[in-house]
N, C-alpha and C. Protein backbone atom coordinates (compact mmCIF):
# COMPACT_ATOMS: atom_id res chain seq x y z
N UNK A 1 -81.04 -6.34 -50.53
CA UNK A 1 -80.10 -5.54 -49.87
C UNK A 1 -80.55 -5.25 -48.46
N UNK A 2 -79.56 -5.26 -47.57
CA UNK A 2 -79.95 -4.97 -46.20
C UNK A 2 -80.30 -3.49 -46.07
N UNK A 3 -81.18 -3.26 -45.22
CA UNK A 3 -81.60 -1.89 -45.04
C UNK A 3 -80.91 -1.27 -43.83
N UNK A 4 -80.72 -0.03 -43.90
CA UNK A 4 -80.11 0.68 -42.78
C UNK A 4 -81.19 1.33 -41.98
N UNK A 5 -80.84 1.39 -40.69
CA UNK A 5 -81.81 2.06 -39.84
C UNK A 5 -81.54 3.54 -39.85
N UNK A 6 -82.55 4.25 -39.72
CA UNK A 6 -82.39 5.68 -39.67
C UNK A 6 -81.97 6.08 -38.26
N UNK A 7 -81.15 7.03 -38.15
CA UNK A 7 -80.71 7.52 -36.84
C UNK A 7 -79.19 7.49 -36.74
N UNK A 8 -78.72 7.90 -35.57
CA UNK A 8 -77.26 7.98 -35.41
C UNK A 8 -76.62 6.59 -35.35
N UNK A 9 -75.42 6.51 -35.86
CA UNK A 9 -74.68 5.26 -35.83
C UNK A 9 -73.91 5.21 -34.51
N UNK A 10 -74.03 4.15 -33.81
CA UNK A 10 -73.34 4.01 -32.52
C UNK A 10 -72.45 2.78 -32.55
N UNK A 11 -71.44 2.81 -31.69
CA UNK A 11 -70.57 1.65 -31.56
C UNK A 11 -71.12 0.77 -30.46
N UNK A 12 -70.99 -0.51 -30.68
CA UNK A 12 -71.49 -1.42 -29.68
C UNK A 12 -70.39 -1.98 -28.80
N UNK A 13 -69.22 -1.41 -28.83
CA UNK A 13 -68.11 -1.88 -27.99
C UNK A 13 -67.51 -0.69 -27.27
N UNK A 14 -66.85 -0.96 -26.11
CA UNK A 14 -66.26 0.12 -25.30
C UNK A 14 -64.80 0.28 -25.68
N UNK A 15 -64.29 1.51 -25.64
CA UNK A 15 -62.88 1.69 -25.99
C UNK A 15 -61.95 1.06 -24.94
N UNK A 16 -60.84 0.52 -25.41
CA UNK A 16 -59.83 -0.09 -24.53
C UNK A 16 -58.61 0.82 -24.54
N UNK A 17 -58.16 1.23 -23.33
CA UNK A 17 -56.99 2.10 -23.20
C UNK A 17 -55.84 1.26 -22.66
N UNK A 18 -54.72 1.27 -23.35
CA UNK A 18 -53.54 0.52 -22.93
C UNK A 18 -52.57 1.50 -22.27
N UNK A 19 -52.20 1.19 -21.03
CA UNK A 19 -51.28 2.05 -20.28
C UNK A 19 -49.89 1.42 -20.24
N UNK A 20 -48.86 2.27 -20.36
CA UNK A 20 -47.50 1.80 -20.16
C UNK A 20 -47.24 1.75 -18.67
N UNK A 21 -46.39 0.81 -18.28
CA UNK A 21 -46.03 0.76 -16.86
C UNK A 21 -45.12 1.95 -16.56
N UNK A 22 -45.19 2.50 -15.34
CA UNK A 22 -44.34 3.65 -15.01
C UNK A 22 -42.86 3.25 -15.02
N UNK A 23 -42.05 4.19 -15.42
CA UNK A 23 -40.62 3.93 -15.53
C UNK A 23 -39.99 3.94 -14.14
N UNK A 24 -39.12 2.97 -13.88
CA UNK A 24 -38.40 2.91 -12.60
C UNK A 24 -37.31 3.98 -12.59
N UNK A 25 -36.88 4.36 -11.38
CA UNK A 25 -35.85 5.40 -11.25
C UNK A 25 -34.54 4.97 -11.89
N UNK A 26 -34.20 3.68 -11.73
CA UNK A 26 -32.93 3.20 -12.30
C UNK A 26 -32.99 3.21 -13.82
N UNK A 27 -34.18 2.96 -14.38
CA UNK A 27 -34.32 2.99 -15.84
C UNK A 27 -34.26 4.42 -16.35
N UNK A 28 -34.74 5.37 -15.55
CA UNK A 28 -34.73 6.77 -15.97
C UNK A 28 -33.31 7.32 -16.02
N UNK A 29 -32.42 6.77 -15.21
CA UNK A 29 -31.04 7.24 -15.17
C UNK A 29 -30.15 6.55 -16.20
N UNK A 30 -30.67 5.55 -16.85
CA UNK A 30 -29.91 4.81 -17.84
C UNK A 30 -29.53 5.74 -19.00
N UNK A 31 -28.26 5.72 -19.42
CA UNK A 31 -27.84 6.64 -20.50
C UNK A 31 -28.67 6.50 -21.77
N UNK A 32 -29.11 5.28 -22.08
CA UNK A 32 -29.92 5.08 -23.29
C UNK A 32 -31.26 5.80 -23.16
N UNK A 33 -31.87 5.71 -21.96
CA UNK A 33 -33.16 6.36 -21.75
C UNK A 33 -33.01 7.87 -21.77
N UNK A 34 -31.92 8.38 -21.21
CA UNK A 34 -31.68 9.82 -21.21
C UNK A 34 -31.50 10.32 -22.64
N UNK A 35 -30.70 9.62 -23.44
CA UNK A 35 -30.50 10.02 -24.83
C UNK A 35 -31.80 9.95 -25.62
N UNK A 36 -32.61 8.92 -25.37
CA UNK A 36 -33.89 8.79 -26.08
C UNK A 36 -34.82 9.95 -25.70
N UNK A 37 -34.81 10.34 -24.43
CA UNK A 37 -35.66 11.45 -23.99
C UNK A 37 -35.20 12.77 -24.62
N UNK A 38 -33.88 12.95 -24.75
CA UNK A 38 -33.35 14.17 -25.37
C UNK A 38 -33.76 14.22 -26.84
N UNK A 39 -33.65 13.08 -27.54
CA UNK A 39 -34.03 13.02 -28.96
C UNK A 39 -35.52 13.28 -29.15
N UNK A 40 -36.34 12.76 -28.20
CA UNK A 40 -37.78 12.93 -28.32
C UNK A 40 -38.21 14.33 -27.89
N UNK A 41 -37.28 15.10 -27.35
CA UNK A 41 -37.61 16.47 -26.94
C UNK A 41 -38.19 16.52 -25.54
N UNK A 42 -38.02 15.44 -24.78
CA UNK A 42 -38.52 15.43 -23.42
C UNK A 42 -37.65 16.26 -22.49
N UNK A 43 -38.17 16.50 -21.31
CA UNK A 43 -37.43 17.29 -20.34
C UNK A 43 -36.47 16.40 -19.57
N UNK A 44 -35.20 16.79 -19.55
CA UNK A 44 -34.17 16.03 -18.86
C UNK A 44 -33.54 16.94 -17.81
N UNK A 45 -33.48 16.46 -16.59
CA UNK A 45 -32.90 17.24 -15.52
C UNK A 45 -31.58 16.61 -15.09
N UNK A 46 -30.53 17.42 -14.97
CA UNK A 46 -29.25 16.90 -14.50
C UNK A 46 -28.85 17.69 -13.27
N UNK A 47 -28.39 16.96 -12.26
CA UNK A 47 -27.97 17.57 -11.00
C UNK A 47 -26.53 17.20 -10.76
N UNK A 48 -25.68 18.20 -10.54
CA UNK A 48 -24.27 17.94 -10.24
C UNK A 48 -24.13 17.66 -8.76
N UNK A 49 -23.55 16.53 -8.45
CA UNK A 49 -23.35 16.16 -7.06
C UNK A 49 -22.15 16.90 -6.50
N UNK A 50 -22.20 17.21 -5.22
CA UNK A 50 -21.10 17.88 -4.55
C UNK A 50 -19.90 16.95 -4.52
N UNK A 51 -18.77 17.40 -5.03
CA UNK A 51 -17.54 16.61 -5.10
C UNK A 51 -17.75 15.32 -5.88
N UNK A 52 -18.74 15.29 -6.76
CA UNK A 52 -19.01 14.09 -7.53
C UNK A 52 -17.96 13.87 -8.60
N UNK A 53 -17.50 12.64 -8.73
CA UNK A 53 -16.54 12.30 -9.75
C UNK A 53 -15.11 12.66 -9.40
N UNK A 54 -14.88 13.12 -8.19
CA UNK A 54 -13.51 13.42 -7.80
C UNK A 54 -13.00 12.34 -6.88
N UNK A 55 -11.72 12.25 -6.78
CA UNK A 55 -11.12 11.22 -5.95
C UNK A 55 -10.37 11.89 -4.80
N UNK A 56 -11.04 12.82 -4.14
CA UNK A 56 -10.40 13.55 -3.06
C UNK A 56 -10.61 12.80 -1.75
N UNK A 57 -9.56 12.77 -0.97
CA UNK A 57 -9.65 12.13 0.33
C UNK A 57 -10.38 13.08 1.27
N UNK A 58 -11.35 12.54 1.97
CA UNK A 58 -12.10 13.36 2.90
C UNK A 58 -11.24 13.59 4.14
N UNK A 59 -10.99 14.85 4.43
CA UNK A 59 -10.16 15.17 5.57
C UNK A 59 -11.04 15.44 6.78
N UNK A 60 -10.59 14.98 7.97
CA UNK A 60 -11.39 15.23 9.16
C UNK A 60 -11.37 16.71 9.51
N UNK A 61 -12.34 17.16 10.28
CA UNK A 61 -12.34 18.56 10.68
C UNK A 61 -11.06 18.93 11.43
N UNK A 62 -10.76 20.21 11.44
CA UNK A 62 -9.52 20.70 12.04
C UNK A 62 -9.45 20.35 13.52
N UNK A 63 -10.57 20.41 14.22
CA UNK A 63 -10.57 20.15 15.66
C UNK A 63 -10.11 18.74 15.99
N UNK A 64 -10.55 17.74 15.23
CA UNK A 64 -10.13 16.37 15.51
C UNK A 64 -8.66 16.17 15.17
N UNK A 65 -8.19 16.87 14.14
CA UNK A 65 -6.78 16.75 13.80
C UNK A 65 -5.92 17.34 14.91
N UNK A 66 -6.33 18.48 15.46
CA UNK A 66 -5.58 19.08 16.57
C UNK A 66 -5.59 18.15 17.78
N UNK A 67 -6.72 17.51 18.03
CA UNK A 67 -6.82 16.60 19.16
C UNK A 67 -5.88 15.41 18.98
N UNK A 68 -5.80 14.88 17.75
CA UNK A 68 -4.89 13.77 17.48
C UNK A 68 -3.44 14.18 17.67
N UNK A 69 -3.11 15.39 17.22
CA UNK A 69 -1.73 15.86 17.35
C UNK A 69 -1.34 16.05 18.81
N UNK A 70 -2.30 16.46 19.65
CA UNK A 70 -1.99 16.69 21.05
C UNK A 70 -1.77 15.38 21.81
N UNK A 71 -2.47 14.32 21.41
CA UNK A 71 -2.36 13.06 22.14
C UNK A 71 -1.15 12.24 21.73
N UNK A 72 -0.57 12.52 20.56
CA UNK A 72 0.58 11.74 20.11
C UNK A 72 1.86 12.26 20.74
N UNK A 73 2.85 11.38 20.92
CA UNK A 73 4.12 11.85 21.48
C UNK A 73 4.77 12.87 20.55
N UNK A 74 5.54 13.77 21.15
CA UNK A 74 6.13 14.87 20.38
C UNK A 74 7.05 14.35 19.28
N UNK A 75 7.97 13.46 19.61
CA UNK A 75 8.89 12.95 18.59
C UNK A 75 9.19 11.48 18.91
N UNK A 76 9.27 10.67 17.88
CA UNK A 76 9.61 9.27 18.07
C UNK A 76 11.11 9.14 18.27
N UNK A 77 11.50 8.14 19.05
CA UNK A 77 12.91 7.93 19.33
C UNK A 77 13.62 7.43 18.09
N UNK A 78 14.76 8.03 17.79
CA UNK A 78 15.56 7.62 16.64
C UNK A 78 16.79 6.86 17.16
N UNK A 79 17.55 6.27 16.24
CA UNK A 79 18.73 5.50 16.59
C UNK A 79 19.81 6.47 17.12
N UNK A 80 20.33 6.23 18.35
CA UNK A 80 21.36 7.12 18.90
C UNK A 80 22.66 7.06 18.09
N UNK A 81 23.49 8.08 18.22
CA UNK A 81 24.74 8.19 17.47
C UNK A 81 25.69 7.04 17.79
N UNK A 82 25.75 6.62 19.08
CA UNK A 82 26.67 5.53 19.44
C UNK A 82 26.32 4.24 18.70
N UNK A 83 25.02 3.95 18.62
CA UNK A 83 24.57 2.73 17.95
C UNK A 83 24.86 2.84 16.44
N UNK A 84 24.59 4.00 15.86
CA UNK A 84 24.85 4.19 14.42
C UNK A 84 26.32 3.94 14.10
N UNK A 85 27.20 4.54 14.92
CA UNK A 85 28.63 4.38 14.66
C UNK A 85 29.10 2.95 14.92
N UNK A 86 28.51 2.28 15.92
CA UNK A 86 28.89 0.90 16.22
C UNK A 86 28.51 -0.03 15.06
N UNK A 87 27.32 0.18 14.49
CA UNK A 87 26.88 -0.65 13.35
C UNK A 87 27.82 -0.42 12.17
N UNK A 88 28.09 0.84 11.89
CA UNK A 88 28.92 1.16 10.72
C UNK A 88 30.35 0.64 10.89
N UNK A 89 30.90 0.79 12.09
CA UNK A 89 32.28 0.35 12.34
C UNK A 89 32.38 -1.17 12.22
N UNK A 90 31.43 -1.89 12.83
CA UNK A 90 31.46 -3.35 12.78
C UNK A 90 31.27 -3.85 11.35
N UNK A 91 30.42 -3.19 10.59
CA UNK A 91 30.19 -3.59 9.19
C UNK A 91 31.44 -3.37 8.36
N UNK A 92 32.10 -2.24 8.55
CA UNK A 92 33.31 -1.95 7.78
C UNK A 92 34.47 -2.83 8.20
N UNK A 93 34.54 -3.21 9.50
CA UNK A 93 35.59 -4.12 9.96
C UNK A 93 35.47 -5.48 9.29
N UNK A 94 34.23 -5.91 9.04
CA UNK A 94 34.01 -7.20 8.36
C UNK A 94 34.01 -7.04 6.84
N UNK A 95 34.25 -5.84 6.37
CA UNK A 95 34.31 -5.53 4.93
C UNK A 95 33.02 -5.94 4.21
N UNK A 96 31.88 -5.55 4.81
CA UNK A 96 30.57 -5.84 4.22
C UNK A 96 29.96 -4.55 3.69
N UNK A 97 29.22 -4.67 2.61
CA UNK A 97 28.45 -3.52 2.13
C UNK A 97 27.10 -3.53 2.86
N UNK A 98 26.36 -2.44 2.73
CA UNK A 98 25.04 -2.39 3.36
C UNK A 98 24.12 -3.47 2.77
N UNK A 99 24.23 -3.71 1.48
CA UNK A 99 23.40 -4.72 0.83
C UNK A 99 23.74 -6.12 1.33
N UNK A 100 25.06 -6.41 1.49
CA UNK A 100 25.47 -7.73 1.98
C UNK A 100 25.00 -7.95 3.41
N UNK A 101 25.13 -6.93 4.27
CA UNK A 101 24.65 -7.05 5.64
C UNK A 101 23.14 -7.23 5.67
N UNK A 102 22.44 -6.52 4.80
CA UNK A 102 20.99 -6.67 4.70
C UNK A 102 20.59 -8.09 4.34
N UNK A 103 21.32 -8.70 3.40
CA UNK A 103 21.02 -10.08 3.02
C UNK A 103 21.28 -11.03 4.17
N UNK A 104 22.34 -10.78 4.95
CA UNK A 104 22.66 -11.66 6.09
C UNK A 104 21.57 -11.67 7.14
N UNK A 105 20.92 -10.53 7.33
CA UNK A 105 19.87 -10.47 8.38
C UNK A 105 18.46 -10.49 7.78
N UNK A 106 18.37 -10.79 6.48
CA UNK A 106 17.08 -10.87 5.77
C UNK A 106 16.29 -9.56 5.83
N UNK A 107 16.98 -8.46 5.62
CA UNK A 107 16.35 -7.14 5.54
C UNK A 107 16.87 -6.46 4.27
N UNK A 108 16.20 -5.38 3.86
CA UNK A 108 16.64 -4.63 2.69
C UNK A 108 17.85 -3.78 3.05
N UNK A 109 18.62 -3.42 2.05
CA UNK A 109 19.79 -2.56 2.26
C UNK A 109 19.35 -1.18 2.76
N UNK A 110 18.16 -0.77 2.40
CA UNK A 110 17.64 0.52 2.83
C UNK A 110 17.47 0.57 4.36
N UNK A 111 17.13 -0.58 4.98
CA UNK A 111 16.98 -0.64 6.43
C UNK A 111 18.33 -0.38 7.10
N UNK A 112 19.38 -1.00 6.58
CA UNK A 112 20.72 -0.79 7.12
C UNK A 112 21.12 0.68 6.95
N UNK A 113 20.82 1.23 5.80
CA UNK A 113 21.15 2.63 5.52
C UNK A 113 20.43 3.56 6.51
N UNK A 114 19.16 3.27 6.80
CA UNK A 114 18.40 4.10 7.74
C UNK A 114 18.97 4.00 9.15
N UNK A 115 19.39 2.81 9.56
CA UNK A 115 19.98 2.65 10.90
C UNK A 115 21.30 3.39 11.00
N UNK A 116 22.11 3.32 9.94
CA UNK A 116 23.42 3.98 9.98
C UNK A 116 23.30 5.51 9.87
N UNK A 117 22.25 5.99 9.22
CA UNK A 117 22.07 7.44 9.11
C UNK A 117 21.29 8.01 10.28
N UNK A 118 20.67 7.14 11.10
CA UNK A 118 19.94 7.60 12.27
C UNK A 118 18.50 7.97 11.98
N UNK A 119 17.99 7.63 10.80
CA UNK A 119 16.61 7.98 10.45
C UNK A 119 15.61 6.93 10.92
N UNK A 120 16.08 5.72 11.22
CA UNK A 120 15.19 4.62 11.56
C UNK A 120 14.70 4.74 13.00
N UNK A 121 13.51 4.23 13.23
CA UNK A 121 12.99 4.07 14.59
C UNK A 121 13.46 2.71 15.07
N UNK A 122 14.15 2.64 16.21
CA UNK A 122 14.76 1.38 16.64
C UNK A 122 13.74 0.25 16.79
N UNK A 123 14.08 -0.89 16.22
CA UNK A 123 13.26 -2.09 16.32
C UNK A 123 14.14 -3.15 16.99
N UNK A 124 13.67 -3.69 18.11
CA UNK A 124 14.49 -4.63 18.88
C UNK A 124 14.82 -5.88 18.08
N UNK A 125 13.92 -6.34 17.23
CA UNK A 125 14.17 -7.54 16.44
C UNK A 125 15.31 -7.32 15.44
N UNK A 126 15.29 -6.16 14.80
CA UNK A 126 16.35 -5.85 13.82
C UNK A 126 17.68 -5.64 14.53
N UNK A 127 17.65 -4.95 15.67
CA UNK A 127 18.89 -4.76 16.43
C UNK A 127 19.47 -6.10 16.88
N UNK A 128 18.61 -7.04 17.24
CA UNK A 128 19.07 -8.37 17.64
C UNK A 128 19.74 -9.08 16.46
N UNK A 129 19.14 -8.98 15.28
CA UNK A 129 19.74 -9.59 14.08
C UNK A 129 21.10 -8.95 13.77
N UNK A 130 21.17 -7.63 13.92
CA UNK A 130 22.43 -6.93 13.65
C UNK A 130 23.51 -7.36 14.65
N UNK A 131 23.13 -7.51 15.93
CA UNK A 131 24.10 -7.96 16.94
C UNK A 131 24.68 -9.31 16.59
N UNK A 132 23.80 -10.23 16.16
CA UNK A 132 24.26 -11.59 15.82
C UNK A 132 25.14 -11.58 14.58
N UNK A 133 24.77 -10.80 13.57
CA UNK A 133 25.51 -10.79 12.31
C UNK A 133 26.86 -10.08 12.46
N UNK A 134 26.90 -9.02 13.29
CA UNK A 134 28.12 -8.23 13.40
C UNK A 134 28.97 -8.60 14.61
N UNK A 135 28.38 -9.27 15.59
CA UNK A 135 29.11 -9.67 16.79
C UNK A 135 29.39 -8.50 17.73
N UNK A 136 28.52 -7.51 17.77
CA UNK A 136 28.67 -6.36 18.68
C UNK A 136 27.40 -6.20 19.51
N UNK A 137 27.52 -5.53 20.65
CA UNK A 137 26.35 -5.29 21.50
C UNK A 137 25.79 -3.92 21.15
N UNK A 138 24.51 -3.87 20.78
CA UNK A 138 23.87 -2.62 20.36
C UNK A 138 22.73 -2.20 21.27
N UNK A 139 22.02 -3.16 21.85
CA UNK A 139 20.81 -2.82 22.59
C UNK A 139 21.08 -2.18 23.94
N UNK A 140 22.17 -2.46 24.57
CA UNK A 140 22.50 -1.80 25.84
C UNK A 140 22.78 -0.32 25.62
N UNK A 141 23.36 0.03 24.49
CA UNK A 141 23.66 1.42 24.15
C UNK A 141 22.39 2.20 23.87
N UNK A 142 21.37 1.48 23.35
CA UNK A 142 20.12 2.13 23.00
C UNK A 142 19.38 2.56 24.26
N UNK A 143 19.39 1.73 25.29
CA UNK A 143 18.65 2.02 26.51
C UNK A 143 19.32 3.11 27.35
N UNK A 144 20.64 3.27 27.23
CA UNK A 144 21.33 4.25 28.04
C UNK A 144 21.06 5.68 27.57
N UNK A 145 20.55 5.84 26.37
CA UNK A 145 20.35 7.19 25.83
C UNK A 145 19.00 7.72 26.16
């Protein structure tokens, strides 16, 4: 039988310590990692971001809005009454509806409606199409007003 030596028993090898790699910030924010940390009883910090998760349009400061309002013209020019009545009279003389006139000039019926009601901002291209389709002069009346 082998004999034992008297004295303390010692290890002849050094301990090996295995380290985990540090967790990246993106991995720490992963929902799976957060849930695992909560289950393990670890500390989890949550920070609410200002206006986070909302779809609000960021409005410029009041001063810039006032500056924009001051630099813009007071009111845009609308279709004068003479032009509105001339379009409507010529359309009715040809017995056309607003939709039919719109198709003739490749525009929507709503455009014709806006011109006849005076809500539209005059567009020279559309007025030219209307002149050709209706056979009346509209642009000279627009400039005189």
